[in-house]
Amino acid sequence: MTRIDAKFAELRKAGKKAFVSYVMAGDPDFDTSLELVKGLPGAGVDIIELGLPFTDPMADGSTIQLAGQRALEGGMTLDRTLELARTFRQGDDTTPIVMMGYYNPIYSRGVDLFLTQAKEAGIDGLIIVDLPPEEDDELCIPAQAAGLNFIRLATPTTDDKRLPKVLQNTSGFVYYVSITGITGAAEAQAADVGPEVARIKAKTDLPVIVGFGIKTPDAAQAIAGVADGCVVGSAIVGELAGGKPVSEVLAFVKSLADGAHRA
């Protein structure tokens, strides 16, 4: 059982929905990013998604693209991202960390070496948005053999014919993308999301977590109410980009987490 599996078991027992937060590793710099990540569990975050900076983030809107650019300009690398996770683990051995990003840096490192290093650093799962199920032998299956969950995205365009392929080697949870488009582009609507989540849950026992387009505590509550939890990324990254101190960003995160946990 991974930390992700254990966290969902704990939430189910408590009758609570999950709140997942995304932050870009190294934005705006290593020390600030580490301070923010260390503060997330205390702000009510159940699972941390840690963005791996990349030069060509095709699924991301401008907010997260700019965060990645700031991180890269500040010297953030794959090694430094793993170092950030490793340092976090010195004080927290229970909160799951999911690394989210693109395949190129992992391919460049070499899959076997990357998986060894990620596991050692305390990474629990991977979301690699540009690796479709047809490429499962590349990373998905080796990752699961190494004890990491491989979390797949389902979208509004994932029809009933495609869905079984998406689900076949997924573990940890299913990430449902609530809108058609890039991160931060539109607002998620619970009325639209609910039937889609039900459709996915009819085909899998995995939790379904909804992300993209959730910006307020009320939206977090509404979306978590029709799913097993929700993810907020761009809204949090945007708070940090606005120059707010980490304490204020964490207060905002707590308001979102409280919303999700009210569902």
C-alpha atoms as a PDB file:
ATOM      1  CA  MET A   1       0.000   0.000   0.000  1.00  0.00           C
ATOM      2  CA  THR A   2       1.412   3.378  -1.014  1.00  0.00           C
ATOM      3  CA  ARG A   3       0.998   6.563   0.991  1.00  0.00           C
ATOM      4  CA  ILE A   4      -1.682   7.541  -1.545  1.00  0.00           C
ATOM      5  CA  ASP A   5      -3.664   4.348  -0.905  1.00  0.00           C
ATOM      6  CA  ALA A   6      -3.287   4.829   2.845  1.00  0.00           C
ATOM      7  CA  LYS A   7      -4.475   8.439   2.660  1.00  0.00           C
ATOM      8  CA  PHE A   8      -7.643   7.542   0.769  1.00  0.00           C
ATOM      9  CA  ALA A   9      -8.367   4.712   3.219  1.00  0.00           C
ATOM     10  CA  GLU A  10      -7.986   7.197   6.078  1.00  0.00           C
ATOM     11  CA  LEU A  11     -10.282   9.728   4.372  1.00  0.00           C
ATOM     12  CA  ARG A  12     -12.921   7.088   3.634  1.00  0.00           C
ATOM     13  CA  LYS A  13     -12.904   6.000   7.257  1.00  0.00           C
ATOM     14  CA  ALA A  14     -13.393   9.618   8.332  1.00  0.00           C
ATOM     15  CA  GLY A  15     -16.106  10.238   5.721  1.00  0.00           C
ATOM     16  CA  LYS A  16     -14.088  13.065   4.171  1.00  0.00           C
ATOM     17  CA  LYS A  17     -13.265  14.126   0.637  1.00  0.00           C
ATOM     18  CA  ALA A  18      -9.667  14.696  -0.452  1.00  0.00           C
ATOM     19  CA  PHE A  19      -8.101  18.075  -1.051  1.00  0.00           C
ATOM     20  CA  VAL A  20      -5.111  17.977  -3.383  1.00  0.00           C
ATOM     21  CA  SER A  21      -2.920  21.009  -4.035  1.00  0.00           C
ATOM     22  CA  TYR A  22      -0.548  21.573  -6.935  1.00  0.00           C
ATOM     23  CA  VAL A  23       2.558  23.729  -6.589  1.00  0.00           C
ATOM     24  CA  MET A  24       5.463  24.195  -8.971  1.00  0.00           C
ATOM     25  CA  ALA A  25       8.757  23.009  -7.494  1.00  0.00           C
ATOM     26  CA  GLY A  26      11.205  25.893  -7.271  1.00  0.00           C
ATOM     27  CA  ASP A  27       8.720  28.729  -7.829  1.00  0.00           C
ATOM     28  CA  PRO A  28       9.747  31.455  -7.252  1.00  0.00           C
ATOM     29  CA  ASP A  29      12.906  29.924  -5.735  1.00  0.00           C
ATOM     30  CA  PHE A  30      13.917  26.741  -3.933  1.00  0.00           C
ATOM     31  CA  ASP A  31      13.672  28.046  -0.359  1.00  0.00           C
ATOM     32  CA  THR A  32      10.272  29.717  -0.800  1.00  0.00           C
ATOM     33  CA  SER A  33       8.931  26.656  -2.586  1.00  0.00           C
ATOM     34  CA  LEU A  34      10.159  24.368   0.187  1.00  0.00           C
ATOM     35  CA  GLU A  35       8.596  26.597   2.853  1.00  0.00           C
ATOM     36  CA  LEU A  36       5.278  26.467   1.002  1.00  0.00           C
ATOM     37  CA  VAL A  37       5.353  22.692   0.512  1.00  0.00           C
ATOM     38  CA  LYS A  38       6.244  22.148   4.182  1.00  0.00           C
ATOM     39  CA  GLY A  39       3.224  24.246   5.173  1.00  0.00           C
ATOM     40  CA  LEU A  40       0.659  22.508   2.958  1.00  0.00           C
ATOM     41  CA  PRO A  41      -0.263  19.591   5.280  1.00  0.00           C
ATOM     42  CA  GLY A  42      -0.923  22.012   8.146  1.00  0.00           C
ATOM     43  CA  ALA A  43      -3.201  23.995   5.816  1.00  0.00           C
ATOM     44  CA  GLY A  44      -5.353  20.895   5.274  1.00  0.00           C
ATOM     45  CA  VAL A  45      -3.788  19.468   2.124  1.00  0.00           C
ATOM     46  CA  ASP A  46      -4.222  15.689   1.895  1.00  0.00           C
ATOM     47  CA  ILE A  47      -2.015  15.054  -1.163  1.00  0.00           C
ATOM     48  CA  ILE A  48       0.662  17.309  -2.648  1.00  0.00           C
ATOM     49  CA  GLU A  49       1.139  17.503  -6.403  1.00  0.00           C
ATOM     50  CA  LEU A  50       4.654  18.728  -7.042  1.00  0.00           C
ATOM     51  CA  GLY A  51       5.167  20.184 -10.492  1.00  0.00           C
ATOM     52  CA  LEU A  52       8.381  19.299 -12.313  1.00  0.00           C
ATOM     53  CA  PRO A  53       9.465  22.420 -14.272  1.00  0.00           C
ATOM     54  CA  PHE A  54       9.680  21.858 -18.011  1.00  0.00           C
ATOM     55  CA  THR A  55      10.360  24.127 -20.969  1.00  0.00           C
ATOM     56  CA  ASP A  56       7.323  23.080 -23.042  1.00  0.00           C
ATOM     57  CA  PRO A  57       4.352  22.438 -20.718  1.00  0.00           C
ATOM     58  CA  MET A  58       1.689  21.824 -23.343  1.00  0.00           C
ATOM     59  CA  ALA A  59      -1.210  21.113 -20.965  1.00  0.00           C
ATOM     60  CA  ASP A  60      -0.696  24.171 -18.802  1.00  0.00           C
ATOM     61  CA  GLY A  61      -2.122  27.632 -18.987  1.00  0.00           C
ATOM     62  CA  SER A  62      -0.128  30.815 -18.578  1.00  0.00           C
ATOM     63  CA  THR A  63      -0.137  30.826 -14.767  1.00  0.00           C
ATOM     64  CA  ILE A  64       1.635  27.478 -14.462  1.00  0.00           C
ATOM     65  CA  GLN A  65       3.753  28.059 -17.577  1.00  0.00           C
ATOM     66  CA  LEU A  66       5.138  31.224 -16.002  1.00  0.00           C
ATOM     67  CA  ALA A  67       5.718  29.417 -12.706  1.00  0.00           C
ATOM     68  CA  GLY A  68       7.746  26.810 -14.552  1.00  0.00           C
ATOM     69  CA  GLN A  69       9.761  29.527 -16.294  1.00  0.00           C
ATOM     70  CA  ARG A  70      10.505  31.244 -12.990  1.00  0.00           C
ATOM     71  CA  ALA A  71      11.617  27.941 -11.491  1.00  0.00           C
ATOM     72  CA  LEU A  72      13.864  27.086 -14.431  1.00  0.00           C
ATOM     73  CA  GLU A  73      15.381  30.560 -14.447  1.00  0.00           C
ATOM     74  CA  GLY A  74      16.077  30.125 -10.738  1.00  0.00           C
ATOM     75  CA  GLY A  75      18.091  26.992 -11.441  1.00  0.00           C
ATOM     76  CA  MET A  76      15.447  24.349 -10.712  1.00  0.00           C
ATOM     77  CA  THR A  77      16.204  20.936 -12.175  1.00  0.00           C
ATOM     78  CA  LEU A  78      14.982  17.370 -11.790  1.00  0.00           C
ATOM     79  CA  ASP A  79      17.697  16.791  -9.175  1.00  0.00           C
ATOM     80  CA  ARG A  80      16.646  19.886  -7.213  1.00  0.00           C
ATOM     81  CA  THR A  81      12.987  18.825  -7.407  1.00  0.00           C
ATOM     82  CA  LEU A  82      13.902  15.457  -5.910  1.00  0.00           C
ATOM     83  CA  GLU A  83      15.993  17.269  -3.293  1.00  0.00           C
ATOM     84  CA  LEU A  84      12.964  19.364  -2.358  1.00  0.00           C
ATOM     85  CA  ALA A  85      10.874  16.206  -1.870  1.00  0.00           C
ATOM     86  CA  ARG A  86      13.683  14.561   0.103  1.00  0.00           C
ATOM     87  CA  THR A  87      13.989  17.567   2.409  1.00  0.00           C
ATOM     88  CA  PHE A  88      10.207  17.654   2.949  1.00  0.00           C
ATOM     89  CA  ARG A  89      10.290  13.973   3.899  1.00  0.00           C
ATOM     90  CA  GLN A  90      12.699  14.702   6.758  1.00  0.00           C
ATOM     91  CA  GLY A  91       9.788  16.254   8.636  1.00  0.00           C
ATOM     92  CA  ASP A  92       6.767  14.472   7.118  1.00  0.00           C
ATOM     93  CA  ASP A  93       6.695  10.781   6.301  1.00  0.00           C
ATOM     94  CA  THR A  94       2.950  10.452   5.743  1.00  0.00           C
ATOM     95  CA  THR A  95       1.658  13.118   3.313  1.00  0.00           C
ATOM     96  CA  PRO A  96       1.660  11.675  -0.225  1.00  0.00           C
ATOM     97  CA  ILE A  97       3.625  13.466  -2.946  1.00  0.00           C
ATOM     98  CA  VAL A  98       2.688  13.064  -6.601  1.00  0.00           C
ATOM     99  CA  MET A  99       5.184  14.390  -9.129  1.00  0.00           C
ATOM    100  CA  MET A 100       3.354  15.932 -12.071  1.00  0.00           C
ATOM    101  CA  GLY A 101       5.008  16.860 -15.321  1.00  0.00           C
ATOM    102  CA  TYR A 102       6.215  15.695 -18.706  1.00  0.00           C
ATOM    103  CA  TYR A 103       8.194  12.701 -19.887  1.00  0.00           C
ATOM    104  CA  ASN A 104      11.199  14.427 -21.458  1.00  0.00           C
ATOM    105  CA  PRO A 105      13.219  15.060 -18.244  1.00  0.00           C
ATOM    106  CA  ILE A 106      12.542  11.483 -17.088  1.00  0.00           C
ATOM    107  CA  TYR A 107      13.480   9.990 -20.449  1.00  0.00           C
ATOM    108  CA  SER A 108      16.666  12.046 -20.462  1.00  0.00           C
ATOM    109  CA  ARG A 109      17.566  10.783 -16.994  1.00  0.00           C
ATOM    110  CA  GLY A 110      16.731   7.174 -17.846  1.00  0.00           C
ATOM    111  CA  VAL A 111      13.600   5.505 -16.474  1.00  0.00           C
ATOM    112  CA  ASP A 112      15.281   3.004 -14.151  1.00  0.00           C
ATOM    113  CA  LEU A 113      17.564   5.592 -12.557  1.00  0.00           C
ATOM    114  CA  PHE A 114      14.732   8.099 -12.244  1.00  0.00           C
ATOM    115  CA  LEU A 115      12.431   5.595 -10.526  1.00  0.00           C
ATOM    116  CA  THR A 116      15.149   4.607  -8.067  1.00  0.00           C
ATOM    117  CA  GLN A 117      15.837   8.248  -7.254  1.00  0.00           C
ATOM    118  CA  ALA A 118      12.146   9.197  -7.029  1.00  0.00           C
ATOM    119  CA  LYS A 119      11.379   6.343  -4.667  1.00  0.00           C
ATOM    120  CA  GLU A 120      14.387   7.220  -2.513  1.00  0.00           C
ATOM    121  CA  ALA A 121      13.299  10.870  -2.379  1.00  0.00           C
ATOM    122  CA  GLY A 122       9.843   9.933  -1.101  1.00  0.00           C
ATOM    123  CA  ILE A 123       7.765  10.390  -4.253  1.00  0.00           C
ATOM    124  CA  ASP A 124       4.612   8.245  -4.128  1.00  0.00           C
ATOM    125  CA  GLY A 125       3.067   8.669  -7.561  1.00  0.00           C
ATOM    126  CA  LEU A 126       3.467  10.147 -11.013  1.00  0.00           C
ATOM    127  CA  ILE A 127       1.194  12.106 -13.338  1.00  0.00           C
ATOM    128  CA  ILE A 128       2.925  12.351 -16.706  1.00  0.00           C
ATOM    129  CA  VAL A 129       0.503  14.135 -18.973  1.00  0.00           C
ATOM    130  CA  ASP A 130       2.125  13.401 -22.342  1.00  0.00           C
ATOM    131  CA  LEU A 131       2.380   9.600 -22.036  1.00  0.00           C
ATOM    132  CA  PRO A 132      -0.794   7.917 -23.354  1.00  0.00           C
ATOM    133  CA  PRO A 133      -1.817   4.385 -22.339  1.00  0.00           C
ATOM    134  CA  GLU A 134      -0.325   3.033 -25.562  1.00  0.00           C
ATOM    135  CA  GLU A 135       3.089   3.886 -24.065  1.00  0.00           C
ATOM    136  CA  ASP A 136       2.552   2.132 -20.718  1.00  0.00           C
ATOM    137  CA  ASP A 137       5.676   0.019 -21.164  1.00  0.00           C
ATOM    138  CA  GLU A 138       7.766   3.231 -21.199  1.00  0.00           C
ATOM    139  CA  LEU A 139       7.093   4.350 -17.633  1.00  0.00           C
ATOM    140  CA  CYS A 140       3.705   3.344 -16.216  1.00  0.00           C
ATOM    141  CA  ILE A 141       4.390  -0.370 -15.757  1.00  0.00           C
ATOM    142  CA  PRO A 142       7.994   0.100 -14.541  1.00  0.00           C
ATOM    143  CA  ALA A 143       6.794   2.766 -12.077  1.00  0.00           C
ATOM    144  CA  GLN A 144       4.177   0.478 -10.578  1.00  0.00           C
ATOM    145  CA  ALA A 145       6.723  -2.332 -10.336  1.00  0.00           C
ATOM    146  CA  ALA A 146       8.929   0.098  -8.384  1.00  0.00           C
ATOM    147  CA  GLY A 147       6.092   0.823  -5.938  1.00  0.00           C
ATOM    148  CA  LEU A 148       4.910   4.162  -7.324  1.00  0.00           C
ATOM    149  CA  ASN A 149       1.337   4.846  -8.322  1.00  0.00           C
ATOM    150  CA  PHE A 150       0.806   5.927 -11.932  1.00  0.00           C
ATOM    151  CA  ILE A 151      -2.154   8.289 -12.101  1.00  0.00           C
ATOM    152  CA  ARG A 152      -3.925   8.776 -15.390  1.00  0.00           C
ATOM    153  CA  LEU A 153      -5.962  11.706 -16.653  1.00  0.00           C
ATOM    154  CA  ALA A 154      -9.491  11.276 -17.976  1.00  0.00           C
ATOM    155  CA  THR A 155     -11.139  14.203 -19.755  1.00  0.00           C
ATOM    156  CA  PRO A 156     -14.531  15.277 -21.115  1.00  0.00           C
ATOM    157  CA  THR A 157     -13.472  13.760 -24.452  1.00  0.00           C
ATOM    158  CA  THR A 158     -12.626  10.329 -22.950  1.00  0.00           C
ATOM    159  CA  ASP A 159     -15.591   8.387 -24.288  1.00  0.00           C
ATOM    160  CA  ASP A 160     -16.834   4.949 -23.209  1.00  0.00           C
ATOM    161  CA  LYS A 161     -14.715   3.252 -25.851  1.00  0.00           C
ATOM    162  CA  ARG A 162     -11.516   4.961 -24.692  1.00  0.00           C
ATOM    163  CA  LEU A 163     -12.144   4.866 -20.931  1.00  0.00           C
ATOM    164  CA  PRO A 164     -11.169   1.200 -20.302  1.00  0.00           C
ATOM    165  CA  LYS A 165      -7.822   1.814 -22.013  1.00  0.00           C
ATOM    166  CA  VAL A 166      -7.204   4.847 -19.800  1.00  0.00           C
ATOM    167  CA  LEU A 167      -8.075   2.920 -16.643  1.00  0.00           C
ATOM    168  CA  GLN A 168      -6.305  -0.373 -17.350  1.00  0.00           C
ATOM    169  CA  ASN A 169      -2.976   0.351 -15.613  1.00  0.00           C
ATOM    170  CA  THR A 170      -3.973   3.361 -13.499  1.00  0.00           C
ATOM    171  CA  SER A 171      -3.468   3.239  -9.742  1.00  0.00           C
ATOM    172  CA  GLY A 172      -3.754   5.585  -6.759  1.00  0.00           C
ATOM    173  CA  PHE A 173      -6.586   7.648  -8.167  1.00  0.00           C
ATOM    174  CA  VAL A 174      -8.052   8.843 -11.455  1.00  0.00           C
ATOM    175  CA  TYR A 175      -7.578  12.532 -12.198  1.00  0.00           C
ATOM    176  CA  TYR A 176     -10.629  13.848 -14.038  1.00  0.00           C
ATOM    177  CA  VAL A 177      -9.935  17.023 -16.019  1.00  0.00           C
ATOM    178  CA  SER A 178     -13.142  18.994 -15.626  1.00  0.00           C
ATOM    179  CA  ILE A 179     -12.818  21.198 -18.697  1.00  0.00           C
ATOM    180  CA  THR A 180     -11.672  20.873 -22.282  1.00  0.00           C
ATOM    181  CA  GLY A 181      -8.512  22.913 -22.519  1.00  0.00           C
ATOM    182  CA  ILE A 182      -5.510  23.974 -20.474  1.00  0.00           C
ATOM    183  CA  THR A 183      -5.100  24.578 -16.752  1.00  0.00           C
ATOM    184  CA  GLY A 184      -6.755  27.676 -15.350  1.00  0.00           C
ATOM    185  CA  ALA A 185      -8.704  28.368 -18.541  1.00  0.00           C
ATOM    186  CA  ALA A 186     -12.303  28.126 -17.306  1.00  0.00           C
ATOM    187  CA  GLU A 187     -14.325  27.383 -14.201  1.00  0.00           C
ATOM    188  CA  ALA A 188     -15.399  23.833 -13.387  1.00  0.00           C
ATOM    189  CA  GLN A 189     -19.128  23.283 -12.963  1.00  0.00           C
ATOM    190  CA  ALA A 190     -20.368  20.583 -10.602  1.00  0.00           C
ATOM    191  CA  ALA A 191     -23.475  19.993 -12.710  1.00  0.00           C
ATOM    192  CA  ASP A 192     -21.281  19.048 -15.666  1.00  0.00           C
ATOM    193  CA  VAL A 193     -18.701  17.141 -13.658  1.00  0.00           C
ATOM    194  CA  GLY A 194     -21.037  14.970 -11.567  1.00  0.00           C
ATOM    195  CA  PRO A 195     -22.347  12.707 -14.373  1.00  0.00           C
ATOM    196  CA  GLU A 196     -18.846  12.270 -15.784  1.00  0.00           C
ATOM    197  CA  VAL A 197     -17.442  11.240 -12.405  1.00  0.00           C
ATOM    198  CA  ALA A 198     -20.300   8.746 -12.008  1.00  0.00           C
ATOM    199  CA  ARG A 199     -19.517   7.329 -15.455  1.00  0.00           C
ATOM    200  CA  ILE A 200     -15.874   6.790 -14.505  1.00  0.00           C
ATOM    201  CA  LYS A 201     -16.699   5.346 -11.079  1.00  0.00           C
ATOM    202  CA  ALA A 202     -18.943   2.771 -12.735  1.00  0.00           C
ATOM    203  CA  LYS A 203     -15.798   1.381 -14.398  1.00  0.00           C
ATOM    204  CA  THR A 204     -13.263   1.532 -11.545  1.00  0.00           C
ATOM    205  CA  ASP A 205     -12.965   1.233  -7.780  1.00  0.00           C
ATOM    206  CA  LEU A 206     -10.299   3.936  -7.707  1.00  0.00           C
ATOM    207  CA  PRO A 207     -11.082   7.358  -6.212  1.00  0.00           C
ATOM    208  CA  VAL A 208     -11.866  10.033  -8.806  1.00  0.00           C
ATOM    209  CA  ILE A 209     -10.372  13.442  -8.096  1.00  0.00           C
ATOM    210  CA  VAL A 210     -11.381  16.464 -10.171  1.00  0.00           C
ATOM    211  CA  GLY A 211      -9.023  19.244 -11.226  1.00  0.00           C
ATOM    212  CA  PHE A 212      -8.733  22.244 -13.582  1.00  0.00           C
ATOM    213  CA  GLY A 213     -10.886  25.332 -13.114  1.00  0.00           C
ATOM    214  CA  ILE A 214     -11.407  25.294  -9.311  1.00  0.00           C
ATOM    215  CA  LYS A 215     -10.619  28.705  -7.856  1.00  0.00           C
ATOM    216  CA  THR A 216     -12.684  29.309  -4.711  1.00  0.00           C
ATOM    217  CA  PRO A 217     -13.661  27.507  -1.487  1.00  0.00           C
ATOM    218  CA  ASP A 218     -17.276  27.261  -2.709  1.00  0.00           C
ATOM    219  CA  ALA A 219     -16.130  25.699  -5.981  1.00  0.00           C
ATOM    220  CA  ALA A 220     -13.902  23.267  -4.083  1.00  0.00           C
ATOM    221  CA  GLN A 221     -16.878  22.252  -1.952  1.00  0.00           C
ATOM    222  CA  ALA A 222     -19.192  21.869  -4.943  1.00  0.00           C
ATOM    223  CA  ILE A 223     -16.744  19.795  -7.000  1.00  0.00           C
ATOM    224  CA  ALA A 224     -15.634  17.636  -4.071  1.00  0.00           C
ATOM    225  CA  GLY A 225     -19.320  17.031  -3.390  1.00  0.00           C
ATOM    226  CA  VAL A 226     -19.722  15.169  -6.699  1.00  0.00           C
ATOM    227  CA  ALA A 227     -16.344  13.381  -6.617  1.00  0.00           C
ATOM    228  CA  ASP A 228     -13.904  11.863  -4.139  1.00  0.00           C
ATOM    229  CA  GLY A 229     -12.071  15.162  -3.874  1.00  0.00           C
ATOM    230  CA  CYS A 230     -10.642  18.037  -5.873  1.00  0.00           C
ATOM    231  CA  VAL A 231      -7.340  19.520  -7.024  1.00  0.00           C
ATOM    232  CA  VAL A 232      -6.457  23.211  -7.050  1.00  0.00           C
ATOM    233  CA  GLY A 233      -3.333  24.399  -8.842  1.00  0.00           C
ATOM    234  CA  SER A 234      -3.455  27.598 -10.879  1.00  0.00           C
ATOM    235  CA  ALA A 235      -5.312  29.578  -8.203  1.00  0.00           C
ATOM    236  CA  ILE A 236      -2.634  28.719  -5.616  1.00  0.00           C
ATOM    237  CA  VAL A 237       0.256  29.327  -8.012  1.00  0.00           C
ATOM    238  CA  GLY A 238      -1.323  32.658  -8.935  1.00  0.00           C
ATOM    239  CA  GLU A 239      -1.412  33.756  -5.290  1.00  0.00           C
ATOM    240  CA  LEU A 240       2.309  33.067  -4.987  1.00  0.00           C
ATOM    241  CA  ALA A 241       3.032  34.819  -8.299  1.00  0.00           C
ATOM    242  CA  GLY A 242       1.299  37.917  -6.987  1.00  0.00           C
ATOM    243  CA  GLY A 243       4.074  38.304  -4.442  1.00  0.00           C
ATOM    244  CA  LYS A 244       2.093  37.297  -1.388  1.00  0.00           C
ATOM    245  CA  PRO A 245       4.090  35.866   1.518  1.00  0.00           C
ATOM    246  CA  VAL A 246       3.927  32.133   2.071  1.00  0.00           C
ATOM    247  CA  SER A 247       1.780  32.620   5.187  1.00  0.00           C
ATOM    248  CA  GLU A 248      -0.943  34.335   3.130  1.00  0.00           C
ATOM    249  CA  VAL A 249      -0.760  31.727   0.376  1.00  0.00           C
ATOM    250  CA  LEU A 250      -1.170  28.991   2.994  1.00  0.00           C
ATOM    251  CA  ALA A 251      -4.187  30.823   4.467  1.00  0.00           C
ATOM    252  CA  PHE A 252      -5.743  30.785   0.997  1.00  0.00           C
ATOM    253  CA  VAL A 253      -4.924  27.071   0.642  1.00  0.00           C
ATOM    254  CA  LYS A 254      -6.589  26.414   3.996  1.00  0.00           C
ATOM    255  CA  SER A 255      -9.774  28.158   2.833  1.00  0.00           C
ATOM    256  CA  LEU A 256      -9.870  25.875  -0.228  1.00  0.00           C
ATOM    257  CA  ALA A 257      -9.143  22.765   1.840  1.00  0.00           C
ATOM    258  CA  ASP A 258     -11.888  23.704   4.305  1.00  0.00           C
ATOM    259  CA  GLY A 259     -14.275  24.047   1.373  1.00  0.00           C
ATOM    260  CA  ALA A 260     -13.410  20.603   0.022  1.00  0.00           C
ATOM    261  CA  HIS A 261     -13.657  19.039   3.469  1.00  0.00           C
ATOM    262  CA  ARG A 262     -17.147  20.494   3.966  1.00  0.00           C
ATOM    263  CA  ALA A 263     -18.412  18.482   0.984  1.00  0.00           C
END
